[in-house]
Amino acid sequence: MTPPARTILVVDDEAPLRRVLERALTRVGYTVVTAASAEAAHALLEVTPVDAALLDIRLPTMSGLALYLSIVHRWPPLDGCMAIMTGDADAEEVRTWLEQHRCAVLHKPFDLVEVEAWLAHLWALRERGTGNG
């Protein structure tokens, strides 16, 4: 019996990147839901359970870092199941934030193989019960 598809939330204000990630992840068997803003992500999460999330660091009304914290506060099981997508990982405020939170980083521009590898690593950790990625 095939296990149910895992659902991934992609939050990015750039529609082309959302579409690329949606197509690529759907092709390898994931269900993908997308949002262009933090508000849209919250609305989706209210009605759609997700297994992992990819958050852009630069969103129109709230940073991906603040969105991460608000999601963890409201949906604690997602703690450690989110990755920040950024080209600014070396910025001091981003480095400081990442030192304090369990969050993977996908450096833009990234290869789709990196995204798939992070998700595979996350599922392996969850199956072994060794925590989140």
N, C-alpha and C. Protein backbone atom coordinates (compact mmCIF):
# COMPACT_ATOMS: atom_id res chain seq x y z
N MET A 1 0.84 -1.19 0.00
CA MET A 1 0.00 0.00 0.00
C MET A 1 0.88 1.25 0.00
N THR A 2 0.58 2.20 -0.86
CA THR A 2 1.35 3.43 -0.97
C THR A 2 0.96 4.37 0.17
N PRO A 3 1.97 4.92 0.88
CA PRO A 3 1.63 5.86 1.93
C PRO A 3 1.03 7.14 1.34
N PRO A 4 0.20 7.85 2.10
CA PRO A 4 -0.37 9.08 1.57
C PRO A 4 0.72 10.11 1.29
N ALA A 5 0.49 10.94 0.30
CA ALA A 5 1.47 11.97 -0.05
C ALA A 5 1.64 12.94 1.11
N ARG A 6 2.85 13.34 1.34
CA ARG A 6 3.12 14.37 2.34
C ARG A 6 2.82 15.73 1.71
N THR A 7 2.36 16.64 2.55
CA THR A 7 1.98 17.96 2.07
C THR A 7 3.03 18.99 2.47
N ILE A 8 3.47 19.76 1.50
CA ILE A 8 4.49 20.78 1.69
C ILE A 8 3.87 22.15 1.43
N LEU A 9 4.10 23.08 2.34
CA LEU A 9 3.69 24.47 2.16
C LEU A 9 4.88 25.26 1.63
N VAL A 10 4.68 26.00 0.55
CA VAL A 10 5.70 26.88 -0.01
C VAL A 10 5.19 28.31 0.12
N VAL A 11 5.96 29.13 0.85
CA VAL A 11 5.58 30.53 1.03
C VAL A 11 6.66 31.41 0.41
N ASP A 12 6.31 32.08 -0.68
CA ASP A 12 7.24 32.98 -1.36
C ASP A 12 6.42 33.98 -2.14
N ASP A 13 6.82 35.24 -2.11
CA ASP A 13 6.07 36.26 -2.84
C ASP A 13 6.38 36.26 -4.33
N GLU A 14 7.35 35.48 -4.76
CA GLU A 14 7.68 35.37 -6.18
C GLU A 14 6.92 34.19 -6.80
N ALA A 15 5.91 34.52 -7.60
CA ALA A 15 5.07 33.48 -8.21
C ALA A 15 5.88 32.48 -9.04
N PRO A 16 6.88 32.91 -9.84
CA PRO A 16 7.62 31.92 -10.62
C PRO A 16 8.33 30.88 -9.74
N LEU A 17 8.90 31.30 -8.61
CA LEU A 17 9.56 30.34 -7.73
C LEU A 17 8.55 29.40 -7.09
N ARG A 18 7.40 29.92 -6.68
CA ARG A 18 6.35 29.05 -6.14
C ARG A 18 5.96 27.99 -7.16
N ARG A 19 5.78 28.41 -8.41
CA ARG A 19 5.37 27.46 -9.47
C ARG A 19 6.45 26.40 -9.71
N VAL A 20 7.71 26.82 -9.77
CA VAL A 20 8.81 25.87 -9.99
C VAL A 20 8.83 24.83 -8.86
N LEU A 21 8.77 25.30 -7.62
CA LEU A 21 8.79 24.37 -6.48
C LEU A 21 7.56 23.47 -6.49
N GLU A 22 6.40 24.03 -6.79
CA GLU A 22 5.18 23.23 -6.82
C GLU A 22 5.28 22.13 -7.88
N ARG A 23 5.71 22.49 -9.07
CA ARG A 23 5.83 21.47 -10.14
C ARG A 23 6.85 20.41 -9.78
N ALA A 24 8.02 20.84 -9.31
CA ALA A 24 9.09 19.88 -9.01
C ALA A 24 8.70 18.93 -7.88
N LEU A 25 8.12 19.47 -6.82
CA LEU A 25 7.77 18.62 -5.68
C LEU A 25 6.57 17.73 -5.98
N THR A 26 5.63 18.22 -6.78
CA THR A 26 4.49 17.40 -7.19
C THR A 26 4.97 16.23 -8.04
N ARG A 27 5.94 16.51 -8.90
CA ARG A 27 6.48 15.46 -9.78
C ARG A 27 7.08 14.30 -9.00
N VAL A 28 7.63 14.59 -7.81
CA VAL A 28 8.24 13.50 -7.02
C VAL A 28 7.30 12.98 -5.93
N GLY A 29 6.00 13.34 -6.03
CA GLY A 29 5.01 12.70 -5.18
C GLY A 29 4.46 13.50 -4.01
N TYR A 30 4.87 14.75 -3.86
CA TYR A 30 4.35 15.55 -2.76
C TYR A 30 3.08 16.27 -3.18
N THR A 31 2.23 16.55 -2.20
CA THR A 31 1.13 17.48 -2.39
C THR A 31 1.68 18.83 -1.97
N VAL A 32 1.47 19.85 -2.79
CA VAL A 32 2.04 21.16 -2.51
C VAL A 32 0.94 22.21 -2.44
N VAL A 33 0.98 23.01 -1.39
CA VAL A 33 0.12 24.18 -1.28
C VAL A 33 1.03 25.39 -1.21
N THR A 34 0.58 26.50 -1.80
CA THR A 34 1.45 27.67 -1.86
C THR A 34 0.74 28.91 -1.34
N ALA A 35 1.56 29.85 -0.87
CA ALA A 35 1.06 31.13 -0.40
C ALA A 35 2.06 32.21 -0.78
N ALA A 36 1.55 33.41 -1.09
CA ALA A 36 2.40 34.52 -1.48
C ALA A 36 2.72 35.44 -0.31
N SER A 37 2.09 35.20 0.85
CA SER A 37 2.29 36.08 2.00
C SER A 37 2.13 35.30 3.29
N ALA A 38 2.56 35.93 4.38
CA ALA A 38 2.40 35.31 5.70
C ALA A 38 0.92 35.13 6.02
N GLU A 39 0.11 36.11 5.68
CA GLU A 39 -1.32 36.02 5.96
C GLU A 39 -1.97 34.86 5.21
N ALA A 40 -1.60 34.70 3.95
CA ALA A 40 -2.13 33.60 3.16
C ALA A 40 -1.65 32.25 3.71
N ALA A 41 -0.41 32.22 4.19
CA ALA A 41 0.11 30.97 4.79
C ALA A 41 -0.68 30.61 6.04
N HIS A 42 -0.94 31.59 6.89
CA HIS A 42 -1.74 31.32 8.09
C HIS A 42 -3.13 30.81 7.73
N ALA A 43 -3.77 31.44 6.74
CA ALA A 43 -5.10 31.02 6.32
C ALA A 43 -5.07 29.58 5.80
N LEU A 44 -4.06 29.24 5.02
CA LEU A 44 -3.93 27.86 4.52
C LEU A 44 -3.75 26.87 5.66
N LEU A 45 -2.87 27.23 6.60
CA LEU A 45 -2.59 26.32 7.72
C LEU A 45 -3.81 26.09 8.60
N GLU A 46 -4.73 27.03 8.63
CA GLU A 46 -5.96 26.87 9.41
C GLU A 46 -6.82 25.73 8.87
N VAL A 47 -6.72 25.47 7.57
CA VAL A 47 -7.60 24.48 6.94
C VAL A 47 -6.88 23.30 6.32
N THR A 48 -5.55 23.40 6.18
CA THR A 48 -4.79 22.35 5.50
C THR A 48 -3.61 21.92 6.36
N PRO A 49 -3.64 20.69 6.88
CA PRO A 49 -2.46 20.21 7.62
C PRO A 49 -1.29 20.01 6.66
N VAL A 50 -0.11 20.45 7.08
CA VAL A 50 1.08 20.25 6.26
C VAL A 50 2.13 19.50 7.07
N ASP A 51 3.04 18.85 6.36
CA ASP A 51 4.10 18.08 6.99
C ASP A 51 5.41 18.86 7.08
N ALA A 52 5.57 19.84 6.19
CA ALA A 52 6.79 20.65 6.17
C ALA A 52 6.49 21.94 5.44
N ALA A 53 7.37 22.93 5.63
CA ALA A 53 7.16 24.21 4.96
C ALA A 53 8.49 24.80 4.51
N LEU A 54 8.44 25.48 3.39
CA LEU A 54 9.57 26.23 2.84
C LEU A 54 9.15 27.69 2.88
N LEU A 55 9.90 28.52 3.61
CA LEU A 55 9.53 29.92 3.81
C LEU A 55 10.59 30.84 3.24
N ASP A 56 10.17 31.75 2.39
CA ASP A 56 11.08 32.78 1.91
C ASP A 56 11.36 33.72 3.08
N ILE A 57 12.58 34.21 3.17
CA ILE A 57 12.93 35.09 4.28
C ILE A 57 12.37 36.50 4.07
N ARG A 58 12.22 36.92 2.83
CA ARG A 58 11.74 38.28 2.51
C ARG A 58 10.32 38.20 1.97
N LEU A 59 9.35 38.49 2.83
CA LEU A 59 7.95 38.50 2.44
C LEU A 59 7.41 39.92 2.59
N PRO A 60 6.30 40.25 1.94
CA PRO A 60 5.83 41.64 1.92
C PRO A 60 5.50 42.24 3.29
N THR A 61 4.81 41.54 4.17
CA THR A 61 4.35 42.15 5.42
C THR A 61 5.00 41.58 6.67
N MET A 62 5.70 40.47 6.54
CA MET A 62 6.31 39.80 7.69
C MET A 62 7.50 39.01 7.17
N SER A 63 8.61 39.04 7.87
CA SER A 63 9.76 38.25 7.41
C SER A 63 9.47 36.76 7.58
N GLY A 64 10.17 35.96 6.80
CA GLY A 64 10.05 34.51 6.95
C GLY A 64 10.47 34.05 8.34
N LEU A 65 11.37 34.79 8.97
CA LEU A 65 11.82 34.45 10.32
C LEU A 65 10.67 34.65 11.32
N ALA A 66 9.97 35.78 11.19
CA ALA A 66 8.82 36.03 12.06
C ALA A 66 7.69 35.04 11.75
N LEU A 67 7.51 34.73 10.47
CA LEU A 67 6.49 33.74 10.09
C LEU A 67 6.82 32.38 10.71
N TYR A 68 8.08 31.98 10.67
CA TYR A 68 8.50 30.72 11.29
C TYR A 68 8.06 30.70 12.75
N LEU A 69 8.37 31.76 13.48
CA LEU A 69 8.03 31.80 14.91
C LEU A 69 6.53 31.77 15.14
N SER A 70 5.77 32.47 14.31
CA SER A 70 4.32 32.46 14.48
C SER A 70 3.74 31.09 14.16
N ILE A 71 4.29 30.41 13.17
CA ILE A 71 3.82 29.06 12.84
C ILE A 71 4.14 28.09 13.97
N VAL A 72 5.36 28.15 14.48
CA VAL A 72 5.75 27.26 15.58
C VAL A 72 4.87 27.49 16.81
N HIS A 73 4.54 28.76 17.06
CA HIS A 73 3.68 29.08 18.21
C HIS A 73 2.28 28.49 18.03
N ARG A 74 1.74 28.60 16.83
CA ARG A 74 0.37 28.15 16.57
C ARG A 74 0.29 26.66 16.23
N TRP A 75 1.32 26.14 15.55
CA TRP A 75 1.34 24.74 15.11
C TRP A 75 2.67 24.11 15.55
N PRO A 76 2.84 23.82 16.84
CA PRO A 76 4.13 23.32 17.37
C PRO A 76 4.70 22.10 16.66
N PRO A 77 3.89 21.17 16.13
CA PRO A 77 4.51 20.02 15.45
C PRO A 77 5.37 20.40 14.24
N LEU A 78 5.20 21.60 13.72
CA LEU A 78 6.02 22.02 12.58
C LEU A 78 7.39 22.54 12.98
N ASP A 79 7.63 22.66 14.29
CA ASP A 79 8.96 23.08 14.75
C ASP A 79 10.00 22.10 14.23
N GLY A 80 10.99 22.61 13.54
CA GLY A 80 12.03 21.75 12.97
C GLY A 80 11.68 21.16 11.62
N CYS A 81 10.48 21.44 11.14
CA CYS A 81 10.02 20.90 9.85
C CYS A 81 9.88 22.00 8.81
N MET A 82 10.59 23.10 9.05
CA MET A 82 10.54 24.22 8.11
C MET A 82 11.96 24.59 7.70
N ALA A 83 12.06 25.08 6.47
CA ALA A 83 13.34 25.59 5.98
C ALA A 83 13.13 27.02 5.51
N ILE A 84 14.11 27.84 5.78
CA ILE A 84 14.11 29.21 5.31
C ILE A 84 14.84 29.24 3.98
N MET A 85 14.23 29.88 2.98
CA MET A 85 14.86 30.05 1.67
C MET A 85 15.38 31.49 1.60
N THR A 86 16.68 31.65 1.39
CA THR A 86 17.24 32.99 1.41
C THR A 86 18.53 33.12 0.62
N GLY A 87 18.75 34.29 0.14
CA GLY A 87 20.04 34.65 -0.42
C GLY A 87 20.83 35.48 0.58
N ASP A 88 20.23 35.72 1.76
CA ASP A 88 20.82 36.58 2.79
C ASP A 88 21.27 35.82 4.04
N ALA A 89 21.60 34.57 3.91
CA ALA A 89 21.95 33.77 5.10
C ALA A 89 23.18 34.28 5.83
N ASP A 90 23.99 35.06 5.15
CA ASP A 90 25.20 35.57 5.80
C ASP A 90 24.98 36.90 6.50
N ALA A 91 23.80 37.49 6.35
CA ALA A 91 23.50 38.73 7.06
C ALA A 91 23.54 38.46 8.57
N GLU A 92 24.07 39.39 9.32
CA GLU A 92 24.27 39.16 10.75
C GLU A 92 22.98 38.82 11.49
N GLU A 93 21.90 39.54 11.22
CA GLU A 93 20.65 39.26 11.94
C GLU A 93 20.11 37.88 11.59
N VAL A 94 20.33 37.45 10.35
CA VAL A 94 19.88 36.11 9.94
C VAL A 94 20.73 35.05 10.62
N ARG A 95 22.04 35.22 10.61
CA ARG A 95 22.93 34.25 11.29
C ARG A 95 22.58 34.14 12.76
N THR A 96 22.38 35.26 13.43
CA THR A 96 22.04 35.26 14.86
C THR A 96 20.73 34.52 15.09
N TRP A 97 19.74 34.80 14.26
CA TRP A 97 18.45 34.14 14.41
C TRP A 97 18.59 32.63 14.22
N LEU A 98 19.34 32.23 13.19
CA LEU A 98 19.50 30.81 12.89
C LEU A 98 20.25 30.07 13.98
N GLU A 99 21.14 30.75 14.70
CA GLU A 99 21.84 30.11 15.82
C GLU A 99 20.88 29.77 16.96
N GLN A 100 19.75 30.45 17.03
CA GLN A 100 18.82 30.28 18.14
C GLN A 100 17.61 29.41 17.80
N HIS A 101 17.44 29.02 16.55
CA HIS A 101 16.23 28.28 16.16
C HIS A 101 16.59 27.06 15.32
N ARG A 102 15.77 26.01 15.49
CA ARG A 102 15.97 24.77 14.73
C ARG A 102 15.35 24.91 13.35
N CYS A 103 16.10 25.47 12.45
CA CYS A 103 15.55 25.73 11.13
C CYS A 103 16.61 25.51 10.07
N ALA A 104 16.27 24.71 9.09
CA ALA A 104 17.18 24.49 7.96
C ALA A 104 17.22 25.73 7.08
N VAL A 105 18.29 25.88 6.33
CA VAL A 105 18.43 27.01 5.41
C VAL A 105 18.72 26.46 4.01
N LEU A 106 17.96 26.95 3.05
CA LEU A 106 18.21 26.65 1.65
C LEU A 106 18.66 27.95 1.01
N HIS A 107 19.92 27.99 0.61
CA HIS A 107 20.52 29.20 0.05
C HIS A 107 20.06 29.42 -1.38
N LYS A 108 19.48 30.58 -1.64
CA LYS A 108 19.09 30.94 -3.01
C LYS A 108 20.30 31.47 -3.75
N PRO A 109 20.45 31.18 -5.01
CA PRO A 109 19.62 30.23 -5.75
C PRO A 109 20.01 28.80 -5.36
N PHE A 110 19.02 27.96 -5.21
CA PHE A 110 19.29 26.58 -4.83
C PHE A 110 18.91 25.65 -5.96
N ASP A 111 19.45 24.46 -5.88
CA ASP A 111 19.14 23.41 -6.82
C ASP A 111 17.94 22.65 -6.24
N LEU A 112 17.01 22.25 -7.08
CA LEU A 112 15.85 21.51 -6.58
C LEU A 112 16.25 20.22 -5.89
N VAL A 113 17.41 19.67 -6.26
CA VAL A 113 17.91 18.47 -5.59
C VAL A 113 18.15 18.75 -4.11
N GLU A 114 18.59 19.97 -3.79
CA GLU A 114 18.80 20.34 -2.38
C GLU A 114 17.51 20.29 -1.60
N VAL A 115 16.42 20.78 -2.20
CA VAL A 115 15.13 20.78 -1.54
C VAL A 115 14.68 19.34 -1.29
N GLU A 116 14.78 18.51 -2.31
CA GLU A 116 14.39 17.11 -2.17
C GLU A 116 15.26 16.39 -1.14
N ALA A 117 16.55 16.70 -1.10
CA ALA A 117 17.45 16.07 -0.13
C ALA A 117 17.09 16.49 1.29
N TRP A 118 16.76 17.77 1.50
CA TRP A 118 16.35 18.23 2.83
C TRP A 118 15.08 17.51 3.28
N LEU A 119 14.12 17.39 2.37
CA LEU A 119 12.88 16.69 2.73
C LEU A 119 13.14 15.23 3.04
N ALA A 120 13.96 14.56 2.25
CA ALA A 120 14.29 13.15 2.51
C ALA A 120 14.98 13.01 3.86
N HIS A 121 15.88 13.92 4.18
CA HIS A 121 16.57 13.91 5.48
C HIS A 121 15.56 14.10 6.61
N LEU A 122 14.63 15.03 6.42
CA LEU A 122 13.60 15.29 7.42
C LEU A 122 12.76 14.05 7.68
N TRP A 123 12.32 13.37 6.62
CA TRP A 123 11.49 12.16 6.79
C TRP A 123 12.30 11.06 7.47
N ALA A 124 13.57 10.92 7.10
CA ALA A 124 14.41 9.89 7.72
C ALA A 124 14.54 10.14 9.22
N LEU A 125 14.76 11.39 9.60
CA LEU A 125 14.84 11.71 11.03
C LEU A 125 13.54 11.41 11.76
N ARG A 126 12.43 11.75 11.14
CA ARG A 126 11.14 11.51 11.77
C ARG A 126 10.86 10.02 11.93
N GLU A 127 11.22 9.25 10.90
CA GLU A 127 10.98 7.80 10.97
C GLU A 127 11.82 7.14 12.05
N ARG A 128 13.05 7.65 12.23
CA ARG A 128 13.92 7.11 13.28
C ARG A 128 13.55 7.64 14.66
N GLY A 129 12.71 8.70 14.67
CA GLY A 129 12.32 9.29 15.93
C GLY A 129 13.45 10.04 16.61
N THR A 130 14.39 10.57 15.81
CA THR A 130 15.55 11.27 16.40
C THR A 130 15.37 12.77 16.39
N GLY A 131 14.17 13.23 16.18
CA GLY A 131 13.96 14.67 16.20
C GLY A 131 13.70 15.22 14.83
N ASN A 132 13.75 16.52 14.72
CA ASN A 132 13.43 17.20 13.48
C ASN A 132 14.69 17.72 12.84
N GLY A 133 14.58 18.07 11.55
CA GLY A 133 15.71 18.52 10.77
C GLY A 133 15.86 19.97 10.73
